[in-house]
Protein backbone atom coordinates (compact mmCIF):
# COMPACT_ATOMS: atom_id res chain seq x y z
CA MET A 1 56.61 86.12 108.23
CA SER A 2 57.86 87.19 111.69
CA ASP A 3 60.68 84.56 111.56
CA GLN A 4 61.82 86.00 108.25
CA LYS A 5 61.85 89.54 109.65
CA ALA A 6 63.81 88.40 112.75
CA GLN A 7 66.45 86.76 110.55
CA GLN A 8 66.85 89.96 108.51
CA GLN A 9 67.38 92.03 111.67
CA GLN A 10 69.90 89.64 113.25
CA GLN A 11 73.23 91.33 113.90
CA ILE A 12 76.54 89.60 113.32
CA GLN A 13 79.50 90.42 115.54
CA LEU A 14 82.67 91.27 113.61
CA ARG A 15 85.99 90.32 115.18
CA ILE A 16 89.19 91.70 113.67
CA ASP A 17 92.43 89.72 113.98
CA GLU A 18 95.38 92.15 113.82
CA GLN A 19 98.11 89.69 114.87
CA ARG A 20 99.65 89.37 111.38
CA MET A 21 98.85 92.92 110.28
CA LYS A 22 101.66 95.05 108.88
CA VAL A 23 101.44 98.82 108.93
CA THR A 24 103.15 100.83 106.21
CA TYR A 25 103.07 104.48 105.19
CA ALA A 26 102.45 105.55 101.61
CA ASN A 27 102.54 109.04 100.12
CA THR A 28 101.37 107.95 96.68
CA ILE A 29 99.31 105.34 94.88
CA ARG A 30 99.33 103.90 91.38
CA THR A 31 96.12 102.38 90.04
CA THR A 32 95.86 99.87 87.20
CA THR A 33 92.84 97.88 86.08
CA THR A 34 91.84 94.75 84.24
CA PRO A 35 88.32 93.75 83.20
CA ASP A 36 88.07 91.76 86.47
CA GLU A 37 90.19 93.66 89.01
CA VAL A 38 91.55 96.93 90.31
CA VAL A 39 95.22 96.88 91.34
CA LEU A 40 96.40 99.47 93.88
CA ASP A 41 100.15 99.91 94.38
CA PHE A 42 100.93 101.92 97.52
CA GLY A 43 104.39 103.36 98.01
CA MET A 44 106.71 106.27 98.44
CA ASN A 45 107.62 108.92 95.89
CA MET A 46 111.22 109.86 96.59
CA PRO A 47 113.00 112.66 94.71
CA MET A 48 116.41 111.73 93.35
CA PRO A 49 118.74 112.92 90.61
CA GLY A 50 118.23 111.27 87.24
CA PRO A 51 121.09 109.90 85.11
CA ASP A 52 121.35 113.21 83.23
CA GLY A 53 121.40 115.25 86.43
CA GLN A 54 117.77 116.31 86.00
CA PRO A 55 115.36 115.76 88.90
CA ALA A 56 113.57 112.42 88.88
CA ILE A 57 111.19 110.61 91.20
CA LEU A 58 111.59 107.00 92.31
CA PHE A 59 108.29 105.25 93.13
CA ASP A 60 109.15 102.59 95.70
CA VAL A 61 106.15 100.21 95.88
CA GLY A 62 105.63 98.89 99.40
CA SER A 63 102.26 97.16 99.11
CA ARG A 64 99.94 95.92 96.39
CA VAL A 65 96.23 95.40 97.00
CA VAL A 66 94.11 93.65 94.36
CA LEU A 67 90.33 94.10 94.53
CA ASN A 68 87.44 92.91 92.42
CA TRP A 69 85.27 95.74 91.08
CA ARG A 70 82.63 95.37 93.80
CA GLY A 71 85.29 95.62 96.51
CA ALA A 72 86.80 98.64 94.76
CA LYS A 73 83.41 100.38 94.70
CA ARG A 74 82.87 99.66 98.40
CA LEU A 75 86.34 101.09 99.12
CA ALA A 76 85.59 104.22 97.07
CA ILE A 77 82.29 104.77 98.93
CA SER A 78 83.93 104.23 102.32
CA LEU A 79 86.83 106.59 101.56
CA GLY A 80 84.42 109.22 100.24
CA GLN A 81 82.40 109.09 103.47
CA VAL A 82 85.50 109.31 105.68
CA ILE A 83 86.96 112.22 103.70
CA ARG A 84 83.66 114.16 103.71
CA GLN A 85 83.44 113.73 107.51
CA PHE A 86 87.05 114.87 107.97
CA GLU A 87 86.61 117.91 105.73
CA ALA A 88 83.35 118.86 107.48
CA GLN A 89 85.29 119.05 110.76
CA ASN A 90 88.66 120.34 109.52
CA GLY A 91 88.13 122.13 106.20
CA GLU A 92 88.94 121.09 102.66
CA ILE A 93 92.08 119.02 102.09
CA PRO A 94 94.13 120.82 99.40
CA LEU A 95 95.50 118.65 96.60
CA GLY A 96 97.57 121.31 94.84
CA PRO A 97 101.35 121.67 94.95
CA ALA A 98 102.67 121.67 98.50
CA GLN A 99 104.92 124.72 98.13
CA GLY A 100 102.95 126.96 95.72
CA SER A 101 99.41 128.08 95.31
CA PRO A 102 96.93 125.23 95.25
CA ALA A 103 95.78 123.94 91.86
CA PRO A 104 92.07 123.27 91.37
CA ALA A 105 91.35 120.04 93.20
CA PRO A 106 88.91 117.33 92.14
CA LYS A 107 85.85 117.02 94.36
CA ILE A 108 84.47 113.84 95.88
CA ALA A 109 80.91 113.31 94.70
CA ASP A 110 78.14 113.27 97.28
């Protein structure tokens, strides 16, 4: 029984290899799903004139990340924890329009 308990408490060292890592900035994300996966497209929303002269937005996708549902849930939990910590130290992050009064923002569940 003590061998089993020692194996459960064994720590594994995690080493992160960043040699091939690419860093990109994204100001927006598009999410699509299948029964097996969650697809996250990260990119830039860039205002531009449309063909009729009306304002339009070009979504330039820079990176696509495909996760299975378990990985997506772990990502959601991790992001929720990080955002709650940030907001506890710095105040709520507004999600409303940048130039006008903030619209009601969705809350991250505890």
